[in-house]
Amino acid sequence: MAFPATRLRRLRINPLVRAGLQETDLSARRLMAPLFVRPGRGVRLPISSMPGQYQVSIDELVREAQGLRRRGIVSILLFGIPSKKDNVGSEAYAASGIVQQAIRAVKKAVPDMLVAADLCFCEYTTHGHCGIIRKGDVDNDATLKIIARTAIAQARAGADIIAPSGMMDGMVKTIRQALDKNRFKNTLIMSYAAKYASAFYGPFREAAESAPKFGHRHSYQMNPANAEEALREVAEDLAEGADLVMVKPALPYLDIIRRVKDKFHVPVAAYNVSGEYAMVKAAGQRGWIDEKRVTTEILTGIRRAGADLIITYHAKDLLLPRI
């Protein structure tokens, strides 16, 4: 049937009909809040390039988690800024490492909060790269050994999800074997399976104090021009035991999110990264956009593309109106 018998506006004029027929669900349970934790007490350091975001001490982190839980946000992703760094990132796998301390504190104070621990070494190393450096580049297989140690430390602290982000070949298999061997068979792995070498990570590197001191990460993060390679990466990680797979960043890679979802039919996370957040915040502060509406529209688009879980810095202040 065609116009005038068919009038699609009839489905949109009444706001109750419009809301009732909304196809894409965007709710608090779909959001995961990234948080940055550092040593100290009463610490709440603003991140200049990410308005509204902070590096916080563990006591402040617990308050953040409690506030998020009251608003219906049930999951967080933790990044650590250690008290000291070395060339192998040993604070990442120390039992007393900052993230391990933070996991224990959050699980004690908010036991029904789902806690994911980012597993990487760029925040913990003096050189700012994601593993052990040999001959000017990250040694993949040597790094797998400390990846295993870190995964066990995070699981012992109480992490529900281990989230490896270094894009090392074999990282998921290494983590799954280490977890299973140490009786953490039910600990989930959310792999940063398709993580691109993106210019959108700039503000995060300030937040996590993780900028590389030399070179770049192109030997291990993906070429932004490639799509088929992303599908290969996802297939590998699923075969190795990943429970969820992630596409990062989100907005420039909505096509990848959709292709991953359509091909594999598995839980897909998307990381709405720091640069995406910073652009919205900057434009909102200048009055160039309606920040809340734009944010909701962006996250709805990521969800519509196929993401089951959206990791976003907007989670802390987002109200979820119909759009």
C-alpha atoms as a PDB file:
ATOM      1  CA  MET A   1       0.000   0.000   0.000  1.00  0.00           C
ATOM      2  CA  ALA A   2       1.193   3.509  -0.778  1.00  0.00           C
ATOM      3  CA  PHE A   3       0.216   7.057   0.110  1.00  0.00           C
ATOM      4  CA  PRO A   4      -2.488   8.172   0.848  1.00  0.00           C
ATOM      5  CA  ALA A   5      -3.678   4.788   2.203  1.00  0.00           C
ATOM      6  CA  THR A   6      -0.379   4.420   4.073  1.00  0.00           C
ATOM      7  CA  ARG A   7       0.670   7.330   6.278  1.00  0.00           C
ATOM      8  CA  LEU A   8       3.684   6.451   8.434  1.00  0.00           C
ATOM      9  CA  ARG A   9       3.274   9.697  10.354  1.00  0.00           C
ATOM     10  CA  ARG A  10       0.247   8.130  12.035  1.00  0.00           C
ATOM     11  CA  LEU A  11       2.719   5.989  13.993  1.00  0.00           C
ATOM     12  CA  ARG A  12       4.562   9.086  15.232  1.00  0.00           C
ATOM     13  CA  ILE A  13       1.962  11.740  15.986  1.00  0.00           C
ATOM     14  CA  ASN A  14       0.776  10.271  19.312  1.00  0.00           C
ATOM     15  CA  PRO A  15       3.776  10.260  21.715  1.00  0.00           C
ATOM     16  CA  LEU A  16       2.502   7.115  23.434  1.00  0.00           C
ATOM     17  CA  VAL A  17       2.389   5.238  20.130  1.00  0.00           C
ATOM     18  CA  ARG A  18       5.815   6.640  19.155  1.00  0.00           C
ATOM     19  CA  ALA A  19       7.339   5.502  22.455  1.00  0.00           C
ATOM     20  CA  GLY A  20       5.616   2.137  22.413  1.00  0.00           C
ATOM     21  CA  LEU A  21       6.974   1.325  18.962  1.00  0.00           C
ATOM     22  CA  GLN A  22      10.564   2.350  19.679  1.00  0.00           C
ATOM     23  CA  GLU A  23      12.677  -0.437  18.212  1.00  0.00           C
ATOM     24  CA  THR A  24      15.956   0.062  20.069  1.00  0.00           C
ATOM     25  CA  ASP A  25      16.238  -0.349  23.816  1.00  0.00           C
ATOM     26  CA  LEU A  26      18.690   1.999  25.540  1.00  0.00           C
ATOM     27  CA  SER A  27      18.586   1.486  29.273  1.00  0.00           C
ATOM     28  CA  ALA A  28      20.957   1.849  32.199  1.00  0.00           C
ATOM     29  CA  ARG A  29      21.645  -1.881  32.246  1.00  0.00           C
ATOM     30  CA  ARG A  30      23.199  -1.536  28.789  1.00  0.00           C
ATOM     31  CA  LEU A  31      25.841   0.909  30.029  1.00  0.00           C
ATOM     32  CA  MET A  32      29.229   0.302  31.667  1.00  0.00           C
ATOM     33  CA  ALA A  33      31.058   3.221  33.294  1.00  0.00           C
ATOM     34  CA  PRO A  34      34.868   3.437  32.975  1.00  0.00           C
ATOM     35  CA  LEU A  35      36.566   4.761  36.123  1.00  0.00           C
ATOM     36  CA  PHE A  36      40.169   5.733  36.879  1.00  0.00           C
ATOM     37  CA  VAL A  37      41.579   4.861  40.304  1.00  0.00           C
ATOM     38  CA  ARG A  38      44.846   6.017  41.859  1.00  0.00           C
ATOM     39  CA  PRO A  39      46.546   5.773  45.276  1.00  0.00           C
ATOM     40  CA  GLY A  40      45.684   8.107  48.145  1.00  0.00           C
ATOM     41  CA  ARG A  41      42.635   9.118  50.111  1.00  0.00           C
ATOM     42  CA  GLY A  42      40.116  11.825  49.355  1.00  0.00           C
ATOM     43  CA  VAL A  43      41.644  12.237  45.899  1.00  0.00           C
ATOM     44  CA  ARG A  44      39.476  13.557  43.086  1.00  0.00           C
ATOM     45  CA  LEU A  45      41.632  14.999  40.302  1.00  0.00           C
ATOM     46  CA  PRO A  46      39.783  16.478  37.308  1.00  0.00           C
ATOM     47  CA  ILE A  47      40.805  15.236  33.865  1.00  0.00           C
ATOM     48  CA  SER A  48      41.125  18.438  31.857  1.00  0.00           C
ATOM     49  CA  SER A  49      40.319  16.959  28.441  1.00  0.00           C
ATOM     50  CA  MET A  50      37.342  14.972  29.771  1.00  0.00           C
ATOM     51  CA  PRO A  51      35.026  17.337  31.667  1.00  0.00           C
ATOM     52  CA  GLY A  52      33.151  15.532  34.437  1.00  0.00           C
ATOM     53  CA  GLN A  53      35.699  12.706  34.675  1.00  0.00           C
ATOM     54  CA  TYR A  54      38.263  12.268  37.456  1.00  0.00           C
ATOM     55  CA  GLN A  55      41.139  10.224  38.731  1.00  0.00           C
ATOM     56  CA  VAL A  56      39.898   9.100  42.156  1.00  0.00           C
ATOM     57  CA  SER A  57      41.251   7.337  45.206  1.00  0.00           C
ATOM     58  CA  ILE A  58      39.625   4.109  46.364  1.00  0.00           C
ATOM     59  CA  ASP A  59      37.350   5.770  48.928  1.00  0.00           C
ATOM     60  CA  GLU A  60      36.065   8.147  46.243  1.00  0.00           C
ATOM     61  CA  LEU A  61      35.756   5.262  43.803  1.00  0.00           C
ATOM     62  CA  VAL A  62      33.478   3.423  46.220  1.00  0.00           C
ATOM     63  CA  ARG A  63      31.254   6.514  46.428  1.00  0.00           C
ATOM     64  CA  GLU A  64      31.193   6.711  42.635  1.00  0.00           C
ATOM     65  CA  ALA A  65      30.169   3.053  42.398  1.00  0.00           C
ATOM     66  CA  GLN A  66      27.433   3.516  44.985  1.00  0.00           C
ATOM     67  CA  GLY A  67      26.082   6.543  43.136  1.00  0.00           C
ATOM     68  CA  LEU A  68      26.086   4.714  39.823  1.00  0.00           C
ATOM     69  CA  ARG A  69      24.305   1.734  41.339  1.00  0.00           C
ATOM     70  CA  ARG A  70      21.560   3.975  42.713  1.00  0.00           C
ATOM     71  CA  ARG A  71      21.007   5.266  39.190  1.00  0.00           C
ATOM     72  CA  GLY A  72      20.705   1.784  37.759  1.00  0.00           C
ATOM     73  CA  ILE A  73      24.232   1.460  36.333  1.00  0.00           C
ATOM     74  CA  VAL A  74      25.230  -2.057  37.355  1.00  0.00           C
ATOM     75  CA  SER A  75      28.685  -2.392  35.771  1.00  0.00           C
ATOM     76  CA  ILE A  76      31.986  -0.532  35.846  1.00  0.00           C
ATOM     77  CA  LEU A  77      35.338  -0.904  34.096  1.00  0.00           C
ATOM     78  CA  LEU A  78      38.429  -0.097  36.183  1.00  0.00           C
ATOM     79  CA  PHE A  79      41.695   1.467  35.032  1.00  0.00           C
ATOM     80  CA  GLY A  80      44.583   1.977  37.438  1.00  0.00           C
ATOM     81  CA  ILE A  81      47.212   4.670  37.868  1.00  0.00           C
ATOM     82  CA  PRO A  82      49.921   3.013  39.985  1.00  0.00           C
ATOM     83  CA  SER A  83      52.147   4.554  42.643  1.00  0.00           C
ATOM     84  CA  LYS A  84      55.205   3.460  40.670  1.00  0.00           C
ATOM     85  CA  LYS A  85      55.992   2.246  37.173  1.00  0.00           C
ATOM     86  CA  ASP A  86      58.683  -0.053  35.796  1.00  0.00           C
ATOM     87  CA  ASN A  87      59.624  -1.529  32.452  1.00  0.00           C
ATOM     88  CA  VAL A  88      57.375  -4.600  32.828  1.00  0.00           C
ATOM     89  CA  GLY A  89      54.366  -3.044  34.573  1.00  0.00           C
ATOM     90  CA  SER A  90      54.670  -5.207  37.667  1.00  0.00           C
ATOM     91  CA  GLU A  91      52.078  -3.186  39.603  1.00  0.00           C
ATOM     92  CA  ALA A  92      49.479  -4.534  37.186  1.00  0.00           C
ATOM     93  CA  TYR A  93      49.834  -8.055  38.567  1.00  0.00           C
ATOM     94  CA  ALA A  94      50.823  -7.323  42.164  1.00  0.00           C
ATOM     95  CA  ALA A  95      48.313  -8.555  44.740  1.00  0.00           C
ATOM     96  CA  SER A  96      48.474  -5.071  46.257  1.00  0.00           C
ATOM     97  CA  GLY A  97      48.182  -3.318  42.889  1.00  0.00           C
ATOM     98  CA  ILE A  98      45.808  -0.370  42.767  1.00  0.00           C
ATOM     99  CA  VAL A  99      43.154  -2.107  40.639  1.00  0.00           C
ATOM    100  CA  GLN A 100      43.216  -5.219  42.807  1.00  0.00           C
ATOM    101  CA  GLN A 101      42.694  -3.038  45.898  1.00  0.00           C
ATOM    102  CA  ALA A 102      39.897  -1.188  44.132  1.00  0.00           C
ATOM    103  CA  ILE A 103      38.113  -4.379  43.086  1.00  0.00           C
ATOM    104  CA  ARG A 104      38.088  -5.666  46.653  1.00  0.00           C
ATOM    105  CA  ALA A 105      36.777  -2.357  47.999  1.00  0.00           C
ATOM    106  CA  VAL A 106      33.984  -2.044  45.453  1.00  0.00           C
ATOM    107  CA  LYS A 107      32.866  -5.667  45.802  1.00  0.00           C
ATOM    108  CA  LYS A 108      32.711  -5.234  49.584  1.00  0.00           C
ATOM    109  CA  ALA A 109      30.737  -1.975  49.462  1.00  0.00           C
ATOM    110  CA  VAL A 110      28.545  -2.719  46.421  1.00  0.00           C
ATOM    111  CA  PRO A 111      28.424  -6.513  46.135  1.00  0.00           C
ATOM    112  CA  ASP A 112      25.874  -6.487  43.322  1.00  0.00           C
ATOM    113  CA  MET A 113      28.010  -4.244  41.118  1.00  0.00           C
ATOM    114  CA  LEU A 114      29.541  -6.027  38.119  1.00  0.00           C
ATOM    115  CA  VAL A 115      33.246  -5.170  38.095  1.00  0.00           C
ATOM    116  CA  ALA A 116      35.378  -5.483  34.969  1.00  0.00           C
ATOM    117  CA  ALA A 117      39.141  -5.007  35.157  1.00  0.00           C
ATOM    118  CA  ASP A 118      41.027  -3.676  32.172  1.00  0.00           C
ATOM    119  CA  LEU A 119      44.092  -5.821  31.587  1.00  0.00           C
ATOM    120  CA  CYS A 120      46.891  -3.907  29.944  1.00  0.00           C
ATOM    121  CA  PHE A 121      50.300  -2.506  30.883  1.00  0.00           C
ATOM    122  CA  CYS A 122      50.468   0.924  29.267  1.00  0.00           C
ATOM    123  CA  GLU A 123      49.436   2.651  32.519  1.00  0.00           C
ATOM    124  CA  TYR A 124      51.981   0.647  34.504  1.00  0.00           C
ATOM    125  CA  THR A 125      55.109   0.779  32.345  1.00  0.00           C
ATOM    126  CA  THR A 126      57.730   3.496  32.226  1.00  0.00           C
ATOM    127  CA  HIS A 127      57.663   3.373  28.410  1.00  0.00           C
ATOM    128  CA  GLY A 128      53.858   3.517  28.052  1.00  0.00           C
ATOM    129  CA  HIS A 129      53.534   0.500  25.779  1.00  0.00           C
ATOM    130  CA  CYS A 130      51.250  -2.467  26.317  1.00  0.00           C
ATOM    131  CA  GLY A 131      53.816  -5.113  27.216  1.00  0.00           C
ATOM    132  CA  ILE A 132      57.459  -6.051  27.475  1.00  0.00           C
ATOM    133  CA  ILE A 133      59.699  -4.141  25.057  1.00  0.00           C
ATOM    134  CA  ARG A 134      62.414  -5.933  23.121  1.00  0.00           C
ATOM    135  CA  LYS A 135      64.232  -4.458  20.136  1.00  0.00           C
ATOM    136  CA  GLY A 136      62.019  -1.383  20.162  1.00  0.00           C
ATOM    137  CA  ASP A 137      58.649  -3.153  20.008  1.00  0.00           C
ATOM    138  CA  VAL A 138      56.342  -5.158  22.245  1.00  0.00           C
ATOM    139  CA  ASP A 139      57.364  -8.812  22.503  1.00  0.00           C
ATOM    140  CA  ASN A 140      54.050 -10.600  22.086  1.00  0.00           C
ATOM    141  CA  ASP A 141      54.911 -13.972  23.658  1.00  0.00           C
ATOM    142  CA  ALA A 142      56.880 -12.556  26.578  1.00  0.00           C
ATOM    143  CA  THR A 143      53.925 -10.285  27.325  1.00  0.00           C
ATOM    144  CA  LEU A 144      51.548 -13.261  27.443  1.00  0.00           C
ATOM    145  CA  LYS A 145      53.311 -14.486  30.576  1.00  0.00           C
ATOM    146  CA  ILE A 146      52.569 -11.324  32.529  1.00  0.00           C
ATOM    147  CA  ILE A 147      49.063 -11.185  31.052  1.00  0.00           C
ATOM    148  CA  ALA A 148      48.380 -14.540  32.731  1.00  0.00           C
ATOM    149  CA  ARG A 149      49.724 -13.293  36.066  1.00  0.00           C
ATOM    150  CA  THR A 150      47.594 -10.156  35.883  1.00  0.00           C
ATOM    151  CA  ALA A 151      44.415 -12.053  35.030  1.00  0.00           C
ATOM    152  CA  ILE A 152      44.872 -14.331  38.050  1.00  0.00           C
ATOM    153  CA  ALA A 153      45.544 -11.355  40.349  1.00  0.00           C
ATOM    154  CA  GLN A 154      42.426  -9.560  39.134  1.00  0.00           C
ATOM    155  CA  ALA A 155      40.261 -12.672  39.469  1.00  0.00           C
ATOM    156  CA  ARG A 156      41.553 -13.359  42.980  1.00  0.00           C
ATOM    157  CA  ALA A 157      40.648  -9.799  43.940  1.00  0.00           C
ATOM    158  CA  GLY A 158      37.065 -10.500  42.849  1.00  0.00           C
ATOM    159  CA  ALA A 159      36.781  -9.198  39.286  1.00  0.00           C
ATOM    160  CA  ASP A 160      33.726 -10.540  37.499  1.00  0.00           C
ATOM    161  CA  ILE A 161      35.158  -9.765  34.058  1.00  0.00           C
ATOM    162  CA  ILE A 162      38.737  -9.686  32.780  1.00  0.00           C
ATOM    163  CA  ALA A 163      39.032  -7.250  29.878  1.00  0.00           C
ATOM    164  CA  PRO A 164      42.334  -7.625  27.970  1.00  0.00           C
ATOM    165  CA  SER A 165      42.975  -4.566  25.824  1.00  0.00           C
ATOM    166  CA  GLY A 166      46.541  -4.974  24.583  1.00  0.00           C
ATOM    167  CA  MET A 167      45.727  -6.740  21.284  1.00  0.00           C
ATOM    168  CA  MET A 168      48.388  -9.390  21.838  1.00  0.00           C
ATOM    169  CA  ASP A 169      47.954 -12.520  19.721  1.00  0.00           C
ATOM    170  CA  GLY A 170      46.927 -15.401  21.982  1.00  0.00           C
ATOM    171  CA  MET A 171      45.930 -13.211  24.922  1.00  0.00           C
ATOM    172  CA  VAL A 172      42.453 -14.695  25.318  1.00  0.00           C
ATOM    173  CA  LYS A 173      43.707 -18.293  25.204  1.00  0.00           C
ATOM    174  CA  THR A 174      46.396 -17.425  27.740  1.00  0.00           C
ATOM    175  CA  ILE A 175      43.876 -15.828  30.110  1.00  0.00           C
ATOM    176  CA  ARG A 176      41.311 -18.601  29.751  1.00  0.00           C
ATOM    177  CA  GLN A 177      43.871 -21.277  30.518  1.00  0.00           C
ATOM    178  CA  ALA A 178      45.234 -19.354  33.500  1.00  0.00           C
ATOM    179  CA  LEU A 179      41.789 -18.717  34.928  1.00  0.00           C
ATOM    180  CA  ASP A 180      40.641 -22.290  34.481  1.00  0.00           C
ATOM    181  CA  LYS A 181      43.821 -23.686  35.995  1.00  0.00           C
ATOM    182  CA  ASN A 182      43.320 -21.488  39.066  1.00  0.00           C
ATOM    183  CA  ARG A 183      39.636 -22.390  39.546  1.00  0.00           C
ATOM    184  CA  PHE A 184      38.142 -19.271  38.016  1.00  0.00           C
ATOM    185  CA  LYS A 185      36.159 -21.091  35.348  1.00  0.00           C
ATOM    186  CA  ASN A 186      33.181 -18.738  35.725  1.00  0.00           C
ATOM    187  CA  THR A 187      35.170 -15.515  35.372  1.00  0.00           C
ATOM    188  CA  LEU A 188      34.206 -13.854  32.117  1.00  0.00           C
ATOM    189  CA  ILE A 189      36.570 -12.559  29.445  1.00  0.00           C
ATOM    190  CA  MET A 190      35.519  -9.442  27.552  1.00  0.00           C
ATOM    191  CA  SER A 191      38.138  -9.144  24.848  1.00  0.00           C
ATOM    192  CA  TYR A 192      39.029  -5.905  23.119  1.00  0.00           C
ATOM    193  CA  ALA A 193      38.883  -8.035  19.997  1.00  0.00           C
ATOM    194  CA  ALA A 194      38.746  -5.283  17.363  1.00  0.00           C
ATOM    195  CA  LYS A 195      40.714  -2.384  18.813  1.00  0.00           C
ATOM    196  CA  TYR A 196      41.827   0.136  16.241  1.00  0.00           C
ATOM    197  CA  ALA A 197      44.904   2.379  16.320  1.00  0.00           C
ATOM    198  CA  SER A 198      42.726   5.440  16.737  1.00  0.00           C
ATOM    199  CA  ALA A 199      43.294   9.172  17.145  1.00  0.00           C
ATOM    200  CA  PHE A 200      40.215   9.200  19.403  1.00  0.00           C
ATOM    201  CA  TYR A 201      42.210   7.876  22.385  1.00  0.00           C
ATOM    202  CA  GLY A 202      44.016  11.142  23.149  1.00  0.00           C
ATOM    203  CA  PRO A 203      42.055  12.236  26.254  1.00  0.00           C
ATOM    204  CA  PHE A 204      42.232   8.713  27.710  1.00  0.00           C
ATOM    205  CA  ARG A 205      46.009   8.822  27.595  1.00  0.00           C
ATOM    206  CA  GLU A 206      45.894  11.894  29.800  1.00  0.00           C
ATOM    207  CA  ALA A 207      43.372  10.227  32.125  1.00  0.00           C
ATOM    208  CA  ALA A 208      45.348   6.983  32.467  1.00  0.00           C
ATOM    209  CA  GLU A 209      48.787   8.598  32.161  1.00  0.00           C
ATOM    210  CA  SER A 210      49.513   6.015  29.488  1.00  0.00           C
ATOM    211  CA  ALA A 211      50.875   7.832  26.432  1.00  0.00           C
ATOM    212  CA  PRO A 212      53.757   5.898  24.817  1.00  0.00           C
ATOM    213  CA  LYS A 213      57.146   7.493  25.394  1.00  0.00           C
ATOM    214  CA  PHE A 214      58.328   6.526  21.921  1.00  0.00           C
ATOM    215  CA  GLY A 215      56.862   5.232  18.684  1.00  0.00           C
ATOM    216  CA  HIS A 216      53.262   4.188  18.303  1.00  0.00           C
ATOM    217  CA  ARG A 217      51.031   1.130  18.727  1.00  0.00           C
ATOM    218  CA  HIS A 218      50.469   0.300  15.083  1.00  0.00           C
ATOM    219  CA  SER A 219      52.168  -3.089  15.342  1.00  0.00           C
ATOM    220  CA  TYR A 220      49.474  -4.372  17.657  1.00  0.00           C
ATOM    221  CA  GLN A 221      46.400  -2.151  17.239  1.00  0.00           C
ATOM    222  CA  MET A 222      44.396  -2.447  14.028  1.00  0.00           C
ATOM    223  CA  ASN A 223      44.555  -0.352  10.860  1.00  0.00           C
ATOM    224  CA  PRO A 224      41.413   1.870  10.824  1.00  0.00           C
ATOM    225  CA  ALA A 225      40.935   1.077   7.130  1.00  0.00           C
ATOM    226  CA  ASN A 226      40.429  -2.654   7.731  1.00  0.00           C
ATOM    227  CA  ALA A 227      37.141  -4.473   8.288  1.00  0.00           C
ATOM    228  CA  GLU A 228      37.796  -8.087   7.284  1.00  0.00           C
ATOM    229  CA  GLU A 229      40.738  -8.149   9.681  1.00  0.00           C
ATOM    230  CA  ALA A 230      38.358  -7.241  12.519  1.00  0.00           C
ATOM    231  CA  LEU A 231      36.252 -10.290  11.756  1.00  0.00           C
ATOM    232  CA  ARG A 232      39.376 -12.470  11.851  1.00  0.00           C
ATOM    233  CA  GLU A 233      40.373 -10.991  15.206  1.00  0.00           C
ATOM    234  CA  VAL A 234      36.904 -11.623  16.648  1.00  0.00           C
ATOM    235  CA  ALA A 235      36.837 -15.184  15.318  1.00  0.00           C
ATOM    236  CA  GLU A 236      40.226 -15.878  16.905  1.00  0.00           C
ATOM    237  CA  ASP A 237      39.206 -14.515  20.295  1.00  0.00           C
ATOM    238  CA  LEU A 238      35.943 -16.440  20.319  1.00  0.00           C
ATOM    239  CA  ALA A 239      37.780 -19.640  19.429  1.00  0.00           C
ATOM    240  CA  GLU A 240      40.194 -18.987  22.304  1.00  0.00           C
ATOM    241  CA  GLY A 241      37.396 -18.557  24.846  1.00  0.00           C
ATOM    242  CA  ALA A 242      36.157 -14.964  24.873  1.00  0.00           C
ATOM    243  CA  ASP A 243      32.672 -14.583  26.344  1.00  0.00           C
ATOM    244  CA  LEU A 244      32.103 -11.068  25.023  1.00  0.00           C
ATOM    245  CA  VAL A 245      33.916  -9.252  22.228  1.00  0.00           C
ATOM    246  CA  MET A 246      34.454  -5.528  21.926  1.00  0.00           C
ATOM    247  CA  VAL A 247      34.776  -3.031  19.095  1.00  0.00           C
ATOM    248  CA  LYS A 248      36.759   0.104  19.981  1.00  0.00           C
ATOM    249  CA  PRO A 249      36.185   2.976  19.222  1.00  0.00           C
ATOM    250  CA  ALA A 250      32.453   2.946  18.574  1.00  0.00           C
ATOM    251  CA  LEU A 251      31.314   5.831  16.372  1.00  0.00           C
ATOM    252  CA  PRO A 252      33.759   5.491  13.445  1.00  0.00           C
ATOM    253  CA  TYR A 253      33.245   1.721  13.497  1.00  0.00           C
ATOM    254  CA  LEU A 254      29.475   1.251  13.636  1.00  0.00           C
ATOM    255  CA  ASP A 255      29.774  -0.849  10.489  1.00  0.00           C
ATOM    256  CA  ILE A 256      32.173  -3.181  12.307  1.00  0.00           C
ATOM    257  CA  ILE A 257      29.794  -3.547  15.254  1.00  0.00           C
ATOM    258  CA  ARG A 258      26.999  -4.531  12.879  1.00  0.00           C
ATOM    259  CA  ARG A 259      29.156  -6.957  10.904  1.00  0.00           C
ATOM    260  CA  VAL A 260      30.417  -8.641  14.077  1.00  0.00           C
ATOM    261  CA  LYS A 261      26.894  -8.987  15.444  1.00  0.00           C
ATOM    262  CA  ASP A 262      25.480 -10.342  12.192  1.00  0.00           C
ATOM    263  CA  LYS A 263      28.290 -12.820  11.614  1.00  0.00           C
ATOM    264  CA  PHE A 264      28.861 -14.233  15.098  1.00  0.00           C
ATOM    265  CA  HIS A 265      25.598 -13.691  17.039  1.00  0.00           C
ATOM    266  CA  VAL A 266      27.486 -13.283  20.315  1.00  0.00           C
ATOM    267  CA  PRO A 267      27.399 -10.559  23.004  1.00  0.00           C
ATOM    268  CA  VAL A 268      29.094  -7.455  21.576  1.00  0.00           C
ATOM    269  CA  ALA A 269      30.417  -4.513  23.573  1.00  0.00           C
ATOM    270  CA  ALA A 270      31.322  -1.158  22.054  1.00  0.00           C
ATOM    271  CA  TYR A 271      33.588   1.420  23.677  1.00  0.00           C
ATOM    272  CA  ASN A 272      32.371   4.993  23.243  1.00  0.00           C
ATOM    273  CA  VAL A 273      35.874   6.320  23.781  1.00  0.00           C
ATOM    274  CA  SER A 274      37.371   9.439  25.350  1.00  0.00           C
ATOM    275  CA  GLY A 275      37.735  11.443  22.150  1.00  0.00           C
ATOM    276  CA  GLU A 276      34.108  10.853  21.247  1.00  0.00           C
ATOM    277  CA  TYR A 277      33.091  11.962  24.734  1.00  0.00           C
ATOM    278  CA  ALA A 278      35.354  15.020  24.709  1.00  0.00           C
ATOM    279  CA  MET A 279      33.958  16.314  21.406  1.00  0.00           C
ATOM    280  CA  VAL A 280      30.390  16.154  22.684  1.00  0.00           C
ATOM    281  CA  LYS A 281      31.349  17.820  25.969  1.00  0.00           C
ATOM    282  CA  ALA A 282      33.266  20.617  24.236  1.00  0.00           C
ATOM    283  CA  ALA A 283      30.441  21.377  21.814  1.00  0.00           C
ATOM    284  CA  GLY A 284      27.874  21.172  24.623  1.00  0.00           C
ATOM    285  CA  GLN A 285      29.791  23.613  26.817  1.00  0.00           C
ATOM    286  CA  ARG A 286      29.862  26.114  23.951  1.00  0.00           C
ATOM    287  CA  GLY A 287      26.133  25.788  23.368  1.00  0.00           C
ATOM    288  CA  TRP A 288      26.611  24.453  19.862  1.00  0.00           C
ATOM    289  CA  ILE A 289      24.556  21.308  20.516  1.00  0.00           C
ATOM    290  CA  ASP A 290      21.957  20.019  22.946  1.00  0.00           C
ATOM    291  CA  GLU A 291      24.369  17.766  24.823  1.00  0.00           C
ATOM    292  CA  LYS A 292      21.822  15.440  26.421  1.00  0.00           C
ATOM    293  CA  ARG A 293      19.912  14.848  23.200  1.00  0.00           C
ATOM    294  CA  VAL A 294      23.078  14.346  21.169  1.00  0.00           C
ATOM    295  CA  THR A 295      24.460  11.921  23.755  1.00  0.00           C
ATOM    296  CA  THR A 296      21.285   9.881  23.805  1.00  0.00           C
ATOM    297  CA  GLU A 297      21.184   9.825  20.011  1.00  0.00           C
ATOM    298  CA  ILE A 298      24.806   8.675  19.787  1.00  0.00           C
ATOM    299  CA  LEU A 299      24.350   5.873  22.303  1.00  0.00           C
ATOM    300  CA  THR A 300      21.112   4.797  20.660  1.00  0.00           C
ATOM    301  CA  GLY A 301      22.960   4.624  17.337  1.00  0.00           C
ATOM    302  CA  ILE A 302      25.677   2.443  18.882  1.00  0.00           C
ATOM    303  CA  ARG A 303      23.014   0.207  20.367  1.00  0.00           C
ATOM    304  CA  ARG A 304      21.102   0.083  17.067  1.00  0.00           C
ATOM    305  CA  ALA A 305      24.294  -0.946  15.274  1.00  0.00           C
ATOM    306  CA  GLY A 306      24.294  -4.113  17.374  1.00  0.00           C
ATOM    307  CA  ALA A 307      26.075  -3.370  20.662  1.00  0.00           C
ATOM    308  CA  ASP A 308      24.626  -5.225  23.629  1.00  0.00           C
ATOM    309  CA  LEU A 309      26.800  -3.287  26.083  1.00  0.00           C
ATOM    310  CA  ILE A 310      28.120   0.265  25.695  1.00  0.00           C
ATOM    311  CA  ILE A 311      31.159   1.367  27.664  1.00  0.00           C
ATOM    312  CA  THR A 312      30.750   5.122  27.976  1.00  0.00           C
ATOM    313  CA  TYR A 313      31.904   8.053  30.083  1.00  0.00           C
ATOM    314  CA  HIS A 314      28.426   9.504  29.644  1.00  0.00           C
ATOM    315  CA  ALA A 315      26.995   6.827  31.945  1.00  0.00           C
ATOM    316  CA  LYS A 316      27.533   8.915  35.072  1.00  0.00           C
ATOM    317  CA  ASP A 317      25.267  11.805  34.082  1.00  0.00           C
ATOM    318  CA  LEU A 318      23.006  10.332  31.443  1.00  0.00           C
ATOM    319  CA  LEU A 319      19.253  10.500  31.732  1.00  0.00           C
ATOM    320  CA  LEU A 320      17.573   8.303  29.181  1.00  0.00           C
ATOM    321  CA  PRO A 321      14.661  10.162  27.581  1.00  0.00           C
ATOM    322  CA  ARG A 322      12.862   8.894  24.541  1.00  0.00           C
ATOM    323  CA  ILE A 323      14.198  10.398  21.325  1.00  0.00           C
END
